[in-house]
């Protein structure tokens, strides 16, 4: 459970849109895609942290996110929504190649997520595929707008509070394709910190540092890896609500 008490009318976000934060983006619109159910289940089991479970070894789990690049030989950059455990309604964008602040999810909430939102527009596993605008070796940076606030911007680069806000994992599927799974923390400040941060003038938000506020899976990236232990040793299951939703989705597919 997050400590957000803000309530916003988000009826207008019934349809997910993709738009660039910069004018004049020349790249073609992305294609809507869906993550294969087996991979979705695997990513939820291995990489979605339990709600409010402090991830004490976040820095040791991190892929070197400063080295994220569009992979040599990749045909597209594919980004999939895996889950979210946030009270905030966050937004995600990336910059790389011809894309500058390309917002691919502008209202991250789902009726099937760890923290369910009755009007959440996203389905677990939905995503977008970008087939142009990127060349091998192009640096790729992801940014999360916490509750849509431009001053509370957290991502794979330097963050306003000077803290790590993303953990990254590498996964190779049965077809030999490489995936980067990113888990975001959307609350400002150190664990359980409160009051105003004198260094920035921004408010500490009692962060739980669980890095499950948004979890995405990305195909088409390469990165230098830290020494990463097996995910099952350090990551919990997604929580009863999320796994129940996944089981229902699997049952519905079989039916």
Protein backbone atom coordinates (compact mmCIF):
# COMPACT_ATOMS: atom_id res chain seq x y z
CA UNK A 1 0.00 0.00 0.00
CA UNK A 2 1.36 3.38 -0.98
CA UNK A 3 0.89 6.46 1.15
CA UNK A 4 -0.74 8.54 -1.56
CA UNK A 5 -4.02 10.18 -0.60
CA UNK A 6 -4.38 12.16 -3.82
CA UNK A 7 -7.56 11.40 -5.79
CA UNK A 8 -7.76 12.46 -9.42
CA UNK A 9 -10.47 12.13 -12.05
CA UNK A 10 -8.90 9.95 -14.72
CA UNK A 11 -11.96 9.06 -16.79
CA UNK A 12 -10.34 10.75 -19.77
CA UNK A 13 -7.59 8.11 -19.74
CA UNK A 14 -9.91 5.28 -20.77
CA UNK A 15 -7.77 4.73 -23.87
CA UNK A 16 -3.99 4.50 -23.66
CA UNK A 17 -2.35 6.98 -25.99
CA UNK A 18 1.22 7.31 -27.14
CA UNK A 19 2.63 10.76 -27.77
CA UNK A 20 5.96 12.54 -27.77
CA UNK A 21 6.72 15.23 -25.23
CA UNK A 22 8.73 17.03 -27.90
CA UNK A 23 7.27 18.61 -30.97
CA UNK A 24 8.32 17.44 -34.39
CA UNK A 25 9.02 13.77 -33.64
CA UNK A 26 9.47 12.22 -37.08
CA UNK A 27 9.32 8.52 -36.24
CA UNK A 28 6.36 6.35 -37.15
CA UNK A 29 3.73 5.57 -34.54
CA UNK A 30 4.39 2.38 -32.57
CA UNK A 31 2.40 -0.82 -33.01
CA UNK A 32 0.28 -2.19 -30.16
CA UNK A 33 1.54 -5.65 -29.07
CA UNK A 34 0.77 -8.19 -26.32
CA UNK A 35 3.28 -10.12 -24.24
CA UNK A 36 3.05 -13.91 -24.49
CA UNK A 37 1.23 -15.25 -21.44
CA UNK A 38 3.99 -17.61 -20.33
CA UNK A 39 6.53 -14.79 -20.24
CA UNK A 40 4.08 -12.52 -18.44
CA UNK A 41 3.57 -15.14 -15.75
CA UNK A 42 7.33 -15.72 -15.48
CA UNK A 43 8.11 -12.01 -15.12
CA UNK A 44 5.41 -11.55 -12.49
CA UNK A 45 6.70 -14.50 -10.49
CA UNK A 46 10.39 -13.60 -10.65
CA UNK A 47 10.56 -9.82 -10.87
CA UNK A 48 7.56 -8.18 -9.18
CA UNK A 49 8.49 -7.38 -5.60
CA UNK A 50 5.97 -7.95 -2.79
CA UNK A 51 4.01 -4.83 -1.88
CA UNK A 52 5.79 -2.67 0.74
CA UNK A 53 8.67 -5.16 0.92
CA UNK A 54 11.82 -3.04 1.27
CA UNK A 55 14.35 -4.13 -1.34
CA UNK A 56 17.48 -3.73 0.75
CA UNK A 57 19.89 -4.95 -1.91
CA UNK A 58 18.53 -2.83 -4.78
CA UNK A 59 21.92 -1.47 -5.75
CA UNK A 60 23.44 -4.93 -6.06
CA UNK A 61 20.57 -6.13 -8.25
CA UNK A 62 20.84 -3.29 -10.70
CA UNK A 63 21.79 -3.78 -14.31
CA UNK A 64 24.09 -0.89 -15.16
CA UNK A 65 21.22 1.28 -16.38
CA UNK A 66 23.57 3.96 -17.67
CA UNK A 67 24.64 1.49 -20.38
CA UNK A 68 21.18 0.73 -21.82
CA UNK A 69 21.45 0.85 -25.61
CA UNK A 70 19.45 -0.33 -28.59
CA UNK A 71 20.86 -3.78 -29.27
CA UNK A 72 22.89 -4.68 -32.32
CA UNK A 73 20.70 -6.83 -34.56
CA UNK A 74 17.42 -5.84 -32.89
CA UNK A 75 14.51 -5.23 -35.27
CA UNK A 76 12.44 -3.23 -32.80
CA UNK A 77 12.21 -1.86 -29.28
CA UNK A 78 9.31 -3.67 -27.58
CA UNK A 79 8.02 -2.38 -24.23
CA UNK A 80 5.45 -4.32 -22.16
CA UNK A 81 3.53 -3.49 -18.99
CA UNK A 82 4.08 -6.29 -16.45
CA UNK A 83 2.46 -4.95 -13.26
CA UNK A 84 2.20 -2.00 -10.89
CA UNK A 85 1.83 -1.54 -7.15
CA UNK A 86 1.33 2.21 -6.86
CA UNK A 87 -1.34 4.43 -5.40
CA UNK A 88 -0.15 7.11 -7.81
CA UNK A 89 -1.18 7.18 -11.48
CA UNK A 90 2.26 7.32 -13.08
CA UNK A 91 3.51 7.95 -16.61
CA UNK A 92 6.48 6.47 -18.45
CA UNK A 93 8.54 7.85 -21.32
CA UNK A 94 11.81 7.03 -23.05
CA UNK A 95 14.46 8.98 -24.92
CA UNK A 96 16.71 7.43 -27.56
CA UNK A 97 17.50 7.76 -31.24
CA UNK A 98 14.93 10.12 -32.79
CA UNK A 99 12.64 9.81 -29.76
CA UNK A 100 12.76 12.58 -27.16
CA UNK A 101 10.48 12.00 -24.19
CA UNK A 102 8.31 9.49 -26.02
CA UNK A 103 5.47 8.78 -23.59
CA UNK A 104 4.28 5.21 -24.12
CA UNK A 105 2.08 4.78 -21.02
CA UNK A 106 0.33 7.94 -19.82
CA UNK A 107 -1.87 6.44 -17.09
CA UNK A 108 -0.29 3.39 -15.46
CA UNK A 109 -3.07 1.58 -13.63
CA UNK A 110 -4.89 -1.71 -14.12
CA UNK A 111 -7.84 -3.63 -12.75
CA UNK A 112 -5.56 -6.69 -12.57
CA UNK A 113 -2.46 -5.20 -10.93
CA UNK A 114 -0.96 -5.61 -7.48
CA UNK A 115 -2.93 -2.56 -6.36
CA UNK A 116 -6.09 -2.71 -8.44
CA UNK A 117 -7.69 0.43 -9.88
CA UNK A 118 -11.32 0.05 -10.94
CA UNK A 119 -10.80 2.46 -13.85
CA UNK A 120 -7.26 1.41 -14.74
CA UNK A 121 -6.90 1.41 -18.54
CA UNK A 122 -4.01 -1.06 -18.86
CA UNK A 123 -4.09 -4.83 -19.22
CA UNK A 124 -1.19 -6.86 -17.89
CA UNK A 125 1.15 -7.64 -20.77
CA UNK A 126 0.04 -4.94 -23.19
CA UNK A 127 2.72 -2.96 -24.90
CA UNK A 128 4.13 -1.13 -27.89
CA UNK A 129 6.69 -1.97 -30.56
CA UNK A 130 8.91 0.74 -32.07
CA UNK A 131 10.28 -0.41 -35.42
CA UNK A 132 12.15 2.70 -36.55
CA UNK A 133 13.94 5.72 -35.15
CA UNK A 134 16.63 3.72 -33.33
CA UNK A 135 20.03 2.49 -34.47
CA UNK A 136 22.35 -0.05 -32.86
CA UNK A 137 24.23 1.53 -30.00
CA UNK A 138 21.81 4.41 -29.42
CA UNK A 139 21.55 5.20 -25.71
CA UNK A 140 18.06 4.66 -24.26
CA UNK A 141 16.86 6.35 -21.06
CA UNK A 142 13.55 5.71 -19.27
CA UNK A 143 11.80 8.31 -17.10
CA UNK A 144 8.85 7.95 -14.75
CA UNK A 145 6.67 10.97 -13.99
CA UNK A 146 5.47 10.23 -10.46
CA UNK A 147 1.71 10.89 -10.46
CA UNK A 148 2.24 12.93 -13.62
CA UNK A 149 4.38 15.52 -11.80
CA UNK A 150 7.24 16.93 -13.85
CA UNK A 151 9.27 17.90 -10.76
CA UNK A 152 9.08 14.35 -9.35
CA UNK A 153 10.86 12.70 -12.26
CA UNK A 154 12.57 9.37 -11.61
CA UNK A 155 14.33 7.09 -14.06
CA UNK A 156 17.40 5.28 -15.25
CA UNK A 157 19.50 8.45 -15.21
CA UNK A 158 20.24 10.87 -12.36
CA UNK A 159 17.27 11.49 -10.06
CA UNK A 160 16.21 14.66 -8.30
CA UNK A 161 16.63 13.17 -4.80
CA UNK A 162 19.98 11.61 -5.69
CA UNK A 163 18.67 8.08 -5.06
CA UNK A 164 18.26 4.95 -7.15
CA UNK A 165 14.68 4.63 -8.42
CA UNK A 166 14.98 1.75 -10.87
CA UNK A 167 16.24 -1.82 -10.58
CA UNK A 168 17.03 -3.84 -13.66
CA UNK A 169 17.30 -7.55 -14.47
CA UNK A 170 18.33 -9.48 -17.55
CA UNK A 171 16.39 -12.52 -18.72
CA UNK A 172 16.94 -14.81 -21.71
CA UNK A 173 13.86 -16.65 -22.96
CA UNK A 174 13.63 -20.09 -24.56
CA UNK A 175 14.16 -18.57 -28.01
CA UNK A 176 17.41 -16.97 -26.91
CA UNK A 177 15.98 -13.45 -26.91
CA UNK A 178 17.29 -11.07 -24.28
CA UNK A 179 14.97 -9.04 -22.04
CA UNK A 180 15.56 -6.20 -19.62
CA UNK A 181 13.01 -6.03 -16.78
CA UNK A 182 12.79 -2.67 -15.01
CA UNK A 183 11.14 -2.05 -11.64
CA UNK A 184 10.47 1.56 -10.60
CA UNK A 185 10.08 3.24 -7.21
CA UNK A 186 7.79 6.27 -7.52
CA UNK A 187 8.06 7.91 -4.07
CA UNK A 188 10.60 10.62 -3.28
CA UNK A 189 13.25 10.16 -0.63
CA UNK A 190 14.86 7.60 1.61
CA UNK A 191 12.98 4.73 3.28
CA UNK A 192 10.15 6.14 5.46
CA UNK A 193 11.57 9.68 5.23
CA UNK A 194 9.15 12.55 5.86
CA UNK A 195 9.21 16.33 5.79
CA UNK A 196 10.81 18.66 3.28
CA UNK A 197 14.17 17.76 1.77
CA UNK A 198 16.29 20.84 2.48
CA UNK A 199 18.52 20.11 -0.51
CA UNK A 200 15.71 20.34 -3.08
CA UNK A 201 12.68 21.84 -1.35
CA UNK A 202 10.64 18.79 -2.37
CA UNK A 203 8.66 16.64 0.02
CA UNK A 204 9.84 13.26 1.25
CA UNK A 205 6.97 10.85 0.68
CA UNK A 206 7.54 8.03 3.17
CA UNK A 207 8.90 5.76 0.47
CA UNK A 208 8.77 2.01 1.04
CA UNK A 209 11.53 1.43 -1.55
CA UNK A 210 9.86 -1.72 -2.89
CA UNK A 211 10.52 -0.96 -6.58
CA UNK A 212 7.21 -2.44 -7.71
CA UNK A 213 5.36 0.79 -8.50
CA UNK A 214 5.77 0.13 -12.21
CA UNK A 215 7.35 -2.98 -13.71
CA UNK A 216 8.00 -3.23 -17.45
CA UNK A 217 9.75 -5.75 -19.69
CA UNK A 218 11.77 -4.48 -22.64
CA UNK A 219 13.07 -6.42 -25.63
CA UNK A 220 15.64 -4.92 -28.00
CA UNK A 221 18.06 -3.50 -25.44
CA UNK A 222 21.53 -4.46 -24.35
CA UNK A 223 23.30 -3.44 -21.15
CA UNK A 224 26.33 -4.17 -19.05
CA UNK A 225 25.23 -6.37 -16.17
CA UNK A 226 26.03 -6.29 -12.50
CA UNK A 227 26.45 -9.59 -10.65
CA UNK A 228 22.82 -10.57 -10.26
CA UNK A 229 21.66 -13.44 -7.99
CA UNK A 230 18.82 -15.70 -8.99
CA UNK A 231 15.60 -13.64 -8.81
CA UNK A 232 13.76 -16.27 -6.78
CA UNK A 233 16.25 -15.78 -3.93
CA UNK A 234 15.45 -12.10 -3.48
CA UNK A 235 12.09 -11.34 -5.08
CA UNK A 236 8.71 -12.39 -3.71
CA UNK A 237 5.62 -13.33 -5.62
CA UNK A 238 3.56 -10.45 -6.88
CA UNK A 239 1.00 -10.70 -4.08
CA UNK A 240 -2.28 -12.56 -3.81
CA UNK A 241 -4.32 -10.06 -5.76
CA UNK A 242 -1.98 -9.94 -8.74
CA UNK A 243 -1.41 -13.68 -8.92
CA UNK A 244 -5.13 -14.34 -8.59
CA UNK A 245 -5.67 -12.05 -11.53
CA UNK A 246 -3.01 -13.88 -13.53
CA UNK A 247 -4.61 -17.23 -12.75
CA UNK A 248 -7.98 -15.92 -13.92
CA UNK A 249 -6.42 -14.67 -17.14
CA UNK A 250 -4.80 -18.06 -17.76
CA UNK A 251 -8.06 -19.89 -17.05
CA UNK A 252 -9.95 -17.56 -19.39
CA UNK A 253 -7.38 -18.19 -22.14
CA UNK A 254 -7.72 -21.97 -21.75
CA UNK A 255 -11.50 -21.67 -21.82
